[in-house]
C-alpha cells in the first residue's frame, strides 16, 4: 500500500498513475471494511458513519451503495482527478459483536491518528481472523439465559431445568449442523424440533407446575432478534432494500423455528389448544 501522504496531499509531485493507485488502495480498503462490518451484523447507519469517518481522515471523497450481498464504493481524490470503483462481496462471519466493536474502534483509531493507513489495513485483516468465542462457553451461557427466560415468564425451577436441557441439546445440534455447512434454515428446523420434544417432558411425565411455559420458552434461543432489530434500524435510516432483505431473512428463520416447534407438538401428540 502507498503512503498516506499520497492521499492526504493529492497535489504533491507524485504522477497521475501513483495517485490513481493510491485511490485504488483506499477504495479497496474501504469496501473490504464495509463488507466486513455488514457481514458481522452491523447496521447500515453504523457502516456509513464509520466509512465516512475513515474517508475524511484518509483524504478522499466517496460514494457507497449497500446491497444485501455486496457493497459498492467509488472513491475520488480531493481534486476529483482520479477515481476507482470496487464491488465487494459481503464477508459473512455471522453476527459478532466482538468483530463489530473492534472494527468500529479501528475507525476511531485511524481518525484520531493512533494508526496510519497501512497499519489500519493490516490491523483489519487481523481483526477478521479473530477466532469466535469458545463454543462450549456460548452453549452453556445460552442455555442458562434461556432457562432464565423461562423463570422470567413465570416458570418454576423444574421447568427451568427442562428448558436448560432442551436448549443445551438443541443449541448444540445447531452448532454442529452449521459447522458442517448445512443450510441454516434446516438447522433451525432440527434444533427447534429437538428442543420442543425435550421440553414436552413436563407434559409427558407430569413434571413441574408450568409445563406450558417450559415448552413455550424452549425455542426462544432461536428467535433471530438481531436481524429484526437491524432491519428496523435500516428502515428508519432509509435503506429499504437492506431492510427488506434482513427482515425477510429473519422471517424465514422464524418460520423454520415455528415448523420445528409444530413438528414437536405433532410427534409428542400434544393438543394445539
C-alpha atoms as a PDB file:
ATOM      1  CA  UNK A   1       0.000   0.000   0.000  1.00  0.00           C
ATOM      2  CA  UNK A   2       1.126   3.521  -0.686  1.00  0.00           C
ATOM      3  CA  UNK A   3       1.875   6.083   1.937  1.00  0.00           C
ATOM      4  CA  UNK A   4      -0.919   8.111   3.476  1.00  0.00           C
ATOM      5  CA  UNK A   5       0.577  11.329   2.174  1.00  0.00           C
ATOM      6  CA  UNK A   6      -0.288  10.352  -1.384  1.00  0.00           C
ATOM      7  CA  UNK A   7      -3.945  10.595  -0.461  1.00  0.00           C
ATOM      8  CA  UNK A   8      -3.770  13.334   2.097  1.00  0.00           C
ATOM      9  CA  UNK A   9      -1.803  15.526  -0.323  1.00  0.00           C
ATOM     10  CA  UNK A  10      -3.297  14.989  -3.764  1.00  0.00           C
ATOM     11  CA  UNK A  11      -1.410  17.959  -5.158  1.00  0.00           C
ATOM     12  CA  UNK A  12       2.023  16.502  -4.394  1.00  0.00           C
ATOM     13  CA  UNK A  13       4.684  15.709  -7.026  1.00  0.00           C
ATOM     14  CA  UNK A  14       3.551  12.109  -7.472  1.00  0.00           C
ATOM     15  CA  UNK A  15       2.477  11.340 -11.028  1.00  0.00           C
ATOM     16  CA  UNK A  16      -1.062  10.512 -12.094  1.00  0.00           C
ATOM     17  CA  UNK A  17      -0.561   6.763 -12.051  1.00  0.00           C
ATOM     18  CA  UNK A  18       0.690   6.790  -8.458  1.00  0.00           C
ATOM     19  CA  UNK A  19      -2.241   8.941  -7.422  1.00  0.00           C
ATOM     20  CA  UNK A  20      -4.626   6.551  -9.160  1.00  0.00           C
ATOM     21  CA  UNK A  21      -3.117   3.545  -7.427  1.00  0.00           C
ATOM     22  CA  UNK A  22      -3.436   5.330  -4.107  1.00  0.00           C
ATOM     23  CA  UNK A  23      -7.127   5.978  -4.725  1.00  0.00           C
ATOM     24  CA  UNK A  24      -7.474   2.313  -5.634  1.00  0.00           C
ATOM     25  CA  UNK A  25      -5.885   1.240  -2.351  1.00  0.00           C
ATOM     26  CA  UNK A  26      -8.227   3.489  -0.413  1.00  0.00           C
ATOM     27  CA  UNK A  27     -11.256   2.183  -2.316  1.00  0.00           C
ATOM     28  CA  UNK A  28     -10.360  -1.473  -1.809  1.00  0.00           C
ATOM     29  CA  UNK A  29      -9.685  -0.885   1.878  1.00  0.00           C
ATOM     30  CA  UNK A  30     -12.958   0.946   2.485  1.00  0.00           C
ATOM     31  CA  UNK A  31     -15.010  -1.594   0.536  1.00  0.00           C
ATOM     32  CA  UNK A  32     -13.440  -4.505   2.412  1.00  0.00           C
ATOM     33  CA  UNK A  33     -14.036  -2.703   5.677  1.00  0.00           C
ATOM     34  CA  UNK A  34     -17.696  -2.005   4.873  1.00  0.00           C
ATOM     35  CA  UNK A  35     -18.357  -5.561   3.707  1.00  0.00           C
ATOM     36  CA  UNK A  36     -16.745  -6.946   6.864  1.00  0.00           C
ATOM     37  CA  UNK A  37     -18.933  -4.740   9.061  1.00  0.00           C
ATOM     38  CA  UNK A  38     -22.073  -5.729   7.172  1.00  0.00           C
ATOM     39  CA  UNK A  39     -21.113  -9.399   7.355  1.00  0.00           C
ATOM     40  CA  UNK A  40     -20.742  -9.380  11.134  1.00  0.00           C
ATOM     41  CA  UNK A  41     -24.162  -7.831  11.711  1.00  0.00           C
ATOM     42  CA  UNK A  42     -23.646  -4.055  11.745  1.00  0.00           C
ATOM     43  CA  UNK A  43     -26.454  -1.704  10.765  1.00  0.00           C
ATOM     44  CA  UNK A  44     -26.209   0.368   7.603  1.00  0.00           C
ATOM     45  CA  UNK A  45     -26.048   3.640   9.526  1.00  0.00           C
ATOM     46  CA  UNK A  46     -23.063   2.414  11.517  1.00  0.00           C
ATOM     47  CA  UNK A  47     -21.314   1.352   8.328  1.00  0.00           C
ATOM     48  CA  UNK A  48     -21.944   4.753   6.748  1.00  0.00           C
ATOM     49  CA  UNK A  49     -20.662   6.697   9.754  1.00  0.00           C
ATOM     50  CA  UNK A  50     -17.540   4.573  10.153  1.00  0.00           C
ATOM     51  CA  UNK A  51     -16.656   4.678   6.448  1.00  0.00           C
ATOM     52  CA  UNK A  52     -17.270   8.434   6.293  1.00  0.00           C
ATOM     53  CA  UNK A  53     -15.027   8.949   9.326  1.00  0.00           C
ATOM     54  CA  UNK A  54     -12.209   6.970   7.739  1.00  0.00           C
ATOM     55  CA  UNK A  55     -12.610   8.508   4.283  1.00  0.00           C
ATOM     56  CA  UNK A  56     -12.374  12.041   5.693  1.00  0.00           C
ATOM     57  CA  UNK A  57      -9.259  11.073   7.620  1.00  0.00           C
ATOM     58  CA  UNK A  58      -7.598   9.468   4.605  1.00  0.00           C
ATOM     59  CA  UNK A  59      -8.490  12.489   2.489  1.00  0.00           C
ATOM     60  CA  UNK A  60     -10.801  11.103  -0.175  1.00  0.00           C
ATOM     61  CA  UNK A  61     -14.376  11.576  -1.336  1.00  0.00           C
ATOM     62  CA  UNK A  62     -16.546   8.522  -1.763  1.00  0.00           C
ATOM     63  CA  UNK A  63     -19.959   7.222  -2.736  1.00  0.00           C
ATOM     64  CA  UNK A  64     -21.255   3.955  -1.265  1.00  0.00           C
ATOM     65  CA  UNK A  65     -24.179   1.680  -2.083  1.00  0.00           C
ATOM     66  CA  UNK A  66     -25.059  -1.080   0.368  1.00  0.00           C
ATOM     67  CA  UNK A  67     -26.864  -4.074  -1.077  1.00  0.00           C
ATOM     68  CA  UNK A  68     -27.894  -7.356   0.603  1.00  0.00           C
ATOM     69  CA  UNK A  69     -24.957  -9.326  -0.851  1.00  0.00           C
ATOM     70  CA  UNK A  70     -22.447  -6.651  -1.921  1.00  0.00           C
ATOM     71  CA  UNK A  71     -21.052  -3.227  -1.096  1.00  0.00           C
ATOM     72  CA  UNK A  72     -20.155  -0.884  -3.964  1.00  0.00           C
ATOM     73  CA  UNK A  73     -17.838   2.043  -3.304  1.00  0.00           C
ATOM     74  CA  UNK A  74     -16.429   4.686  -5.637  1.00  0.00           C
ATOM     75  CA  UNK A  75     -13.542   6.801  -4.333  1.00  0.00           C
ATOM     76  CA  UNK A  76     -12.177  10.100  -5.719  1.00  0.00           C
ATOM     77  CA  UNK A  77      -9.186  12.111  -4.665  1.00  0.00           C
ATOM     78  CA  UNK A  78      -9.900  15.592  -3.322  1.00  0.00           C
ATOM     79  CA  UNK A  79      -9.260  17.196  -6.723  1.00  0.00           C
ATOM     80  CA  UNK A  80     -11.675  14.782  -8.391  1.00  0.00           C
ATOM     81  CA  UNK A  81      -8.972  13.923 -10.922  1.00  0.00           C
ATOM     82  CA  UNK A  82      -8.827  10.203 -10.237  1.00  0.00           C
ATOM     83  CA  UNK A  83     -11.447   7.693  -9.174  1.00  0.00           C
ATOM     84  CA  UNK A  84     -11.758   3.998  -8.589  1.00  0.00           C
ATOM     85  CA  UNK A  85     -14.788   1.761  -8.037  1.00  0.00           C
ATOM     86  CA  UNK A  86     -14.963  -1.598  -6.337  1.00  0.00           C
ATOM     87  CA  UNK A  87     -17.773  -4.070  -5.711  1.00  0.00           C
ATOM     88  CA  UNK A  88     -17.019  -6.177  -2.667  1.00  0.00           C
ATOM     89  CA  UNK A  89     -18.937  -9.332  -1.819  1.00  0.00           C
ATOM     90  CA  UNK A  90     -20.155  -9.487   1.771  1.00  0.00           C
ATOM     91  CA  UNK A  91     -17.733 -11.302   4.013  1.00  0.00           C
ATOM     92  CA  UNK A  92     -20.140 -13.259   6.200  1.00  0.00           C
ATOM     93  CA  UNK A  93     -18.815 -14.146   9.623  1.00  0.00           C
ATOM     94  CA  UNK A  94     -22.107 -14.460  11.473  1.00  0.00           C
ATOM     95  CA  UNK A  95     -23.308 -11.909  13.994  1.00  0.00           C
ATOM     96  CA  UNK A  96     -20.256 -10.966  16.046  1.00  0.00           C
ATOM     97  CA  UNK A  97     -20.362  -8.066  18.484  1.00  0.00           C
ATOM     98  CA  UNK A  98     -16.643  -8.593  19.118  1.00  0.00           C
ATOM     99  CA  UNK A  99     -15.599  -8.045  15.481  1.00  0.00           C
ATOM    100  CA  UNK A 100     -18.161  -5.263  15.144  1.00  0.00           C
ATOM    101  CA  UNK A 101     -16.686  -3.421  18.120  1.00  0.00           C
ATOM    102  CA  UNK A 102     -13.075  -3.911  17.015  1.00  0.00           C
ATOM    103  CA  UNK A 103     -13.772  -2.615  13.513  1.00  0.00           C
ATOM    104  CA  UNK A 104     -15.585   0.426  14.902  1.00  0.00           C
ATOM    105  CA  UNK A 105     -12.696   1.104  17.257  1.00  0.00           C
ATOM    106  CA  UNK A 106     -10.318   0.874  14.289  1.00  0.00           C
ATOM    107  CA  UNK A 107     -12.178   3.690  12.514  1.00  0.00           C
ATOM    108  CA  UNK A 108     -11.739   5.931  15.563  1.00  0.00           C
ATOM    109  CA  UNK A 109      -8.066   4.988  15.944  1.00  0.00           C
ATOM    110  CA  UNK A 110      -7.453   5.972  12.320  1.00  0.00           C
ATOM    111  CA  UNK A 111      -9.462   9.172  12.779  1.00  0.00           C
ATOM    112  CA  UNK A 112      -7.557  10.142  15.931  1.00  0.00           C
ATOM    113  CA  UNK A 113      -4.156   9.420  14.390  1.00  0.00           C
ATOM    114  CA  UNK A 114      -3.291   6.445  16.577  1.00  0.00           C
ATOM    115  CA  UNK A 115      -2.728   4.284  13.474  1.00  0.00           C
ATOM    116  CA  UNK A 116      -1.754   5.059   9.894  1.00  0.00           C
ATOM    117  CA  UNK A 117      -3.434   3.908   6.702  1.00  0.00           C
ATOM    118  CA  UNK A 118      -1.114   0.955   6.077  1.00  0.00           C
ATOM    119  CA  UNK A 119      -1.253  -0.135   9.698  1.00  0.00           C
ATOM    120  CA  UNK A 120      -5.051   0.117   9.692  1.00  0.00           C
ATOM    121  CA  UNK A 121      -5.274  -2.228   6.689  1.00  0.00           C
ATOM    122  CA  UNK A 122      -3.069  -4.799   8.398  1.00  0.00           C
ATOM    123  CA  UNK A 123      -4.990  -4.470  11.637  1.00  0.00           C
ATOM    124  CA  UNK A 124      -8.284  -5.005   9.838  1.00  0.00           C
ATOM    125  CA  UNK A 125      -7.008  -8.307   8.457  1.00  0.00           C
ATOM    126  CA  UNK A 126      -6.007  -9.398  11.946  1.00  0.00           C
ATOM    127  CA  UNK A 127      -9.426  -8.445  13.294  1.00  0.00           C
ATOM    128  CA  UNK A 128     -11.137 -10.522  10.621  1.00  0.00           C
ATOM    129  CA  UNK A 129      -9.047 -13.501  11.710  1.00  0.00           C
ATOM    130  CA  UNK A 130     -10.432 -13.220  15.244  1.00  0.00           C
ATOM    131  CA  UNK A 131     -11.489 -16.617  16.432  1.00  0.00           C
ATOM    132  CA  UNK A 132     -15.112 -16.955  17.534  1.00  0.00           C
ATOM    133  CA  UNK A 133     -15.966 -17.239  21.201  1.00  0.00           C
ATOM    134  CA  UNK A 134     -15.478 -20.634  22.818  1.00  0.00           C
ATOM    135  CA  UNK A 135     -18.404 -22.690  21.552  1.00  0.00           C
ATOM    136  CA  UNK A 136     -18.778 -24.612  24.809  1.00  0.00           C
ATOM    137  CA  UNK A 137     -18.942 -21.416  26.820  1.00  0.00           C
ATOM    138  CA  UNK A 138     -21.510 -19.985  24.395  1.00  0.00           C
ATOM    139  CA  UNK A 139     -23.501 -23.215  24.640  1.00  0.00           C
ATOM    140  CA  UNK A 140     -23.686 -23.134  28.422  1.00  0.00           C
ATOM    141  CA  UNK A 141     -24.400 -19.411  28.648  1.00  0.00           C
ATOM    142  CA  UNK A 142     -27.176 -19.640  26.036  1.00  0.00           C
ATOM    143  CA  UNK A 143     -28.762 -22.481  27.984  1.00  0.00           C
ATOM    144  CA  UNK A 144     -28.600 -20.526  31.233  1.00  0.00           C
ATOM    145  CA  UNK A 145     -30.045 -17.438  29.521  1.00  0.00           C
ATOM    146  CA  UNK A 146     -32.950 -19.393  28.055  1.00  0.00           C
ATOM    147  CA  UNK A 147     -33.672 -21.016  31.419  1.00  0.00           C
ATOM    148  CA  UNK A 148     -33.722 -17.506  32.874  1.00  0.00           C
ATOM    149  CA  UNK A 149     -36.323 -16.514  30.275  1.00  0.00           C
ATOM    150  CA  UNK A 150     -38.417 -19.426  31.495  1.00  0.00           C
ATOM    151  CA  UNK A 151     -38.221 -18.070  35.028  1.00  0.00           C
ATOM    152  CA  UNK A 152     -38.955 -14.541  33.802  1.00  0.00           C
ATOM    153  CA  UNK A 153     -42.210 -15.732  32.243  1.00  0.00           C
ATOM    154  CA  UNK A 154     -43.275 -17.485  35.453  1.00  0.00           C
ATOM    155  CA  UNK A 155     -41.808 -20.969  35.063  1.00  0.00           C
ATOM    156  CA  UNK A 156     -40.909 -22.978  38.141  1.00  0.00           C
ATOM    157  CA  UNK A 157     -37.468 -24.425  38.828  1.00  0.00           C
ATOM    158  CA  UNK A 158     -38.331 -27.805  37.328  1.00  0.00           C
ATOM    159  CA  UNK A 159     -39.397 -26.092  34.133  1.00  0.00           C
ATOM    160  CA  UNK A 160     -36.158 -24.100  34.183  1.00  0.00           C
ATOM    161  CA  UNK A 161     -34.193 -27.345  34.339  1.00  0.00           C
ATOM    162  CA  UNK A 162     -36.152 -28.770  31.429  1.00  0.00           C
ATOM    163  CA  UNK A 163     -35.578 -25.633  29.363  1.00  0.00           C
ATOM    164  CA  UNK A 164     -31.882 -25.701  30.204  1.00  0.00           C
ATOM    165  CA  UNK A 165     -31.513 -29.260  28.907  1.00  0.00           C
ATOM    166  CA  UNK A 166     -33.706 -28.600  25.855  1.00  0.00           C
ATOM    167  CA  UNK A 167     -31.655 -25.537  24.954  1.00  0.00           C
ATOM    168  CA  UNK A 168     -28.358 -27.314  25.596  1.00  0.00           C
ATOM    169  CA  UNK A 169     -29.205 -30.141  23.202  1.00  0.00           C
ATOM    170  CA  UNK A 170     -30.931 -28.008  20.559  1.00  0.00           C
ATOM    171  CA  UNK A 171     -28.228 -25.331  20.530  1.00  0.00           C
ATOM    172  CA  UNK A 172     -25.520 -27.982  20.199  1.00  0.00           C
ATOM    173  CA  UNK A 173     -27.340 -29.559  17.262  1.00  0.00           C
ATOM    174  CA  UNK A 174     -27.498 -26.179  15.555  1.00  0.00           C
ATOM    175  CA  UNK A 175     -23.786 -25.629  16.205  1.00  0.00           C
ATOM    176  CA  UNK A 176     -22.822 -28.982  14.704  1.00  0.00           C
ATOM    177  CA  UNK A 177     -25.024 -28.525  11.637  1.00  0.00           C
ATOM    178  CA  UNK A 178     -23.657 -25.047  10.935  1.00  0.00           C
ATOM    179  CA  UNK A 179     -20.085 -26.304  11.410  1.00  0.00           C
ATOM    180  CA  UNK A 180     -20.827 -28.944   8.762  1.00  0.00           C
ATOM    181  CA  UNK A 181     -22.049 -26.182   6.386  1.00  0.00           C
ATOM    182  CA  UNK A 182     -25.638 -27.422   6.465  1.00  0.00           C
ATOM    183  CA  UNK A 183     -28.255 -24.869   5.440  1.00  0.00           C
ATOM    184  CA  UNK A 184     -29.105 -22.618   8.370  1.00  0.00           C
ATOM    185  CA  UNK A 185     -32.850 -22.999   7.739  1.00  0.00           C
ATOM    186  CA  UNK A 186     -32.664 -26.754   8.122  1.00  0.00           C
ATOM    187  CA  UNK A 187     -30.526 -26.282  11.228  1.00  0.00           C
ATOM    188  CA  UNK A 188     -33.237 -24.087  12.754  1.00  0.00           C
ATOM    189  CA  UNK A 189     -35.952 -26.636  11.997  1.00  0.00           C
ATOM    190  CA  UNK A 190     -33.980 -29.504  13.529  1.00  0.00           C
ATOM    191  CA  UNK A 191     -32.887 -27.556  16.621  1.00  0.00           C
ATOM    192  CA  UNK A 192     -36.407 -26.293  17.278  1.00  0.00           C
ATOM    193  CA  UNK A 193     -37.870 -29.773  16.801  1.00  0.00           C
ATOM    194  CA  UNK A 194     -35.446 -31.432  19.229  1.00  0.00           C
ATOM    195  CA  UNK A 195     -35.797 -28.692  21.852  1.00  0.00           C
ATOM    196  CA  UNK A 196     -39.597 -28.840  21.738  1.00  0.00           C
ATOM    197  CA  UNK A 197     -39.609 -32.642  22.047  1.00  0.00           C
ATOM    198  CA  UNK A 198     -37.357 -32.480  25.113  1.00  0.00           C
ATOM    199  CA  UNK A 199     -39.356 -29.605  26.607  1.00  0.00           C
ATOM    200  CA  UNK A 200     -42.568 -31.635  26.306  1.00  0.00           C
ATOM    201  CA  UNK A 201     -41.275 -33.834  29.137  1.00  0.00           C
ATOM    202  CA  UNK A 202     -43.191 -31.645  31.560  1.00  0.00           C
ATOM    203  CA  UNK A 203     -46.446 -32.743  29.921  1.00  0.00           C
ATOM    204  CA  UNK A 204     -45.485 -36.380  29.287  1.00  0.00           C
ATOM    205  CA  UNK A 205     -44.134 -37.139  32.738  1.00  0.00           C
ATOM    206  CA  UNK A 206     -46.107 -34.576  34.716  1.00  0.00           C
ATOM    207  CA  UNK A 207     -43.033 -32.651  35.800  1.00  0.00           C
ATOM    208  CA  UNK A 208     -43.449 -29.238  37.396  1.00  0.00           C
ATOM    209  CA  UNK A 209     -46.474 -26.999  37.553  1.00  0.00           C
ATOM    210  CA  UNK A 210     -45.704 -24.883  34.466  1.00  0.00           C
ATOM    211  CA  UNK A 211     -45.038 -27.295  31.575  1.00  0.00           C
ATOM    212  CA  UNK A 212     -46.639 -24.876  29.119  1.00  0.00           C
ATOM    213  CA  UNK A 213     -44.081 -22.178  29.938  1.00  0.00           C
ATOM    214  CA  UNK A 214     -41.244 -24.668  29.613  1.00  0.00           C
ATOM    215  CA  UNK A 215     -42.460 -25.682  26.167  1.00  0.00           C
ATOM    216  CA  UNK A 216     -43.055 -22.115  25.018  1.00  0.00           C
ATOM    217  CA  UNK A 217     -39.649 -20.809  26.092  1.00  0.00           C
ATOM    218  CA  UNK A 218     -37.625 -23.833  24.978  1.00  0.00           C
ATOM    219  CA  UNK A 219     -37.084 -22.368  21.493  1.00  0.00           C
ATOM    220  CA  UNK A 220     -36.604 -18.706  22.364  1.00  0.00           C
ATOM    221  CA  UNK A 221     -32.843 -19.015  21.825  1.00  0.00           C
ATOM    222  CA  UNK A 222     -33.566 -19.430  18.099  1.00  0.00           C
ATOM    223  CA  UNK A 223     -35.502 -16.182  17.680  1.00  0.00           C
ATOM    224  CA  UNK A 224     -33.430 -14.009  15.262  1.00  0.00           C
ATOM    225  CA  UNK A 225     -33.620 -10.846  17.353  1.00  0.00           C
ATOM    226  CA  UNK A 226     -30.540  -9.102  15.942  1.00  0.00           C
ATOM    227  CA  UNK A 227     -31.663  -9.339  12.276  1.00  0.00           C
ATOM    228  CA  UNK A 228     -35.103  -7.999  13.247  1.00  0.00           C
ATOM    229  CA  UNK A 229     -33.579  -5.060  15.124  1.00  0.00           C
ATOM    230  CA  UNK A 230     -31.103  -4.324  12.343  1.00  0.00           C
ATOM    231  CA  UNK A 231     -33.866  -4.396   9.739  1.00  0.00           C
ATOM    232  CA  UNK A 232     -35.860  -1.832  11.708  1.00  0.00           C
ATOM    233  CA  UNK A 233     -32.772   0.369  12.014  1.00  0.00           C
ATOM    234  CA  UNK A 234     -32.234   0.165   8.253  1.00  0.00           C
ATOM    235  CA  UNK A 235     -35.891   1.016   7.656  1.00  0.00           C
ATOM    236  CA  UNK A 236     -35.682   4.144   9.810  1.00  0.00           C
ATOM    237  CA  UNK A 237     -32.461   5.177   8.079  1.00  0.00           C
ATOM    238  CA  UNK A 238     -33.960   4.792   4.607  1.00  0.00           C
ATOM    239  CA  UNK A 239     -32.085   1.671   3.488  1.00  0.00           C
ATOM    240  CA  UNK A 240     -35.200  -0.057   2.225  1.00  0.00           C
ATOM    241  CA  UNK A 241     -33.523  -2.815   0.210  1.00  0.00           C
ATOM    242  CA  UNK A 242     -31.334  -3.806   3.124  1.00  0.00           C
ATOM    243  CA  UNK A 243     -34.331  -3.585   5.453  1.00  0.00           C
ATOM    244  CA  UNK A 244     -36.408  -5.874   3.264  1.00  0.00           C
ATOM    245  CA  UNK A 245     -33.578  -8.383   2.850  1.00  0.00           C
ATOM    246  CA  UNK A 246     -32.834  -8.616   6.560  1.00  0.00           C
ATOM    247  CA  UNK A 247     -36.489  -8.688   7.532  1.00  0.00           C
ATOM    248  CA  UNK A 248     -37.267 -11.489   5.101  1.00  0.00           C
ATOM    249  CA  UNK A 249     -34.228 -13.489   6.228  1.00  0.00           C
ATOM    250  CA  UNK A 250     -35.363 -13.165   9.847  1.00  0.00           C
ATOM    251  CA  UNK A 251     -38.936 -14.040   8.905  1.00  0.00           C
ATOM    252  CA  UNK A 252     -37.839 -17.199   7.101  1.00  0.00           C
ATOM    253  CA  UNK A 253     -35.832 -18.293  10.150  1.00  0.00           C
ATOM    254  CA  UNK A 254     -38.850 -17.614  12.360  1.00  0.00           C
ATOM    255  CA  UNK A 255     -40.998 -19.784  10.091  1.00  0.00           C
ATOM    256  CA  UNK A 256     -38.395 -22.555  10.315  1.00  0.00           C
ATOM    257  CA  UNK A 257     -38.412 -22.217  14.103  1.00  0.00           C
ATOM    258  CA  UNK A 258     -42.205 -22.495  14.106  1.00  0.00           C
ATOM    259  CA  UNK A 259     -42.141 -25.510  11.799  1.00  0.00           C
ATOM    260  CA  UNK A 260     -39.805 -27.373  14.125  1.00  0.00           C
ATOM    261  CA  UNK A 261     -41.931 -26.455  17.142  1.00  0.00           C
ATOM    262  CA  UNK A 262     -45.123 -27.669  15.442  1.00  0.00           C
ATOM    263  CA  UNK A 263     -43.356 -30.870  14.455  1.00  0.00           C
ATOM    264  CA  UNK A 264     -42.503 -31.423  18.105  1.00  0.00           C
ATOM    265  CA  UNK A 265     -46.137 -30.902  19.053  1.00  0.00           C
ATOM    266  CA  UNK A 266     -47.276 -33.469  16.496  1.00  0.00           C
ATOM    267  CA  UNK A 267     -44.703 -36.134  17.292  1.00  0.00           C
ATOM    268  CA  UNK A 268     -45.483 -35.883  21.014  1.00  0.00           C
ATOM    269  CA  UNK A 269     -49.226 -35.838  20.325  1.00  0.00           C
ATOM    270  CA  UNK A 270     -49.773 -32.578  22.195  1.00  0.00           C
ATOM    271  CA  UNK A 271     -53.024 -30.704  21.756  1.00  0.00           C
ATOM    272  CA  UNK A 272     -52.907 -27.375  19.966  1.00  0.00           C
ATOM    273  CA  UNK A 273     -55.244 -25.661  22.423  1.00  0.00           C
END
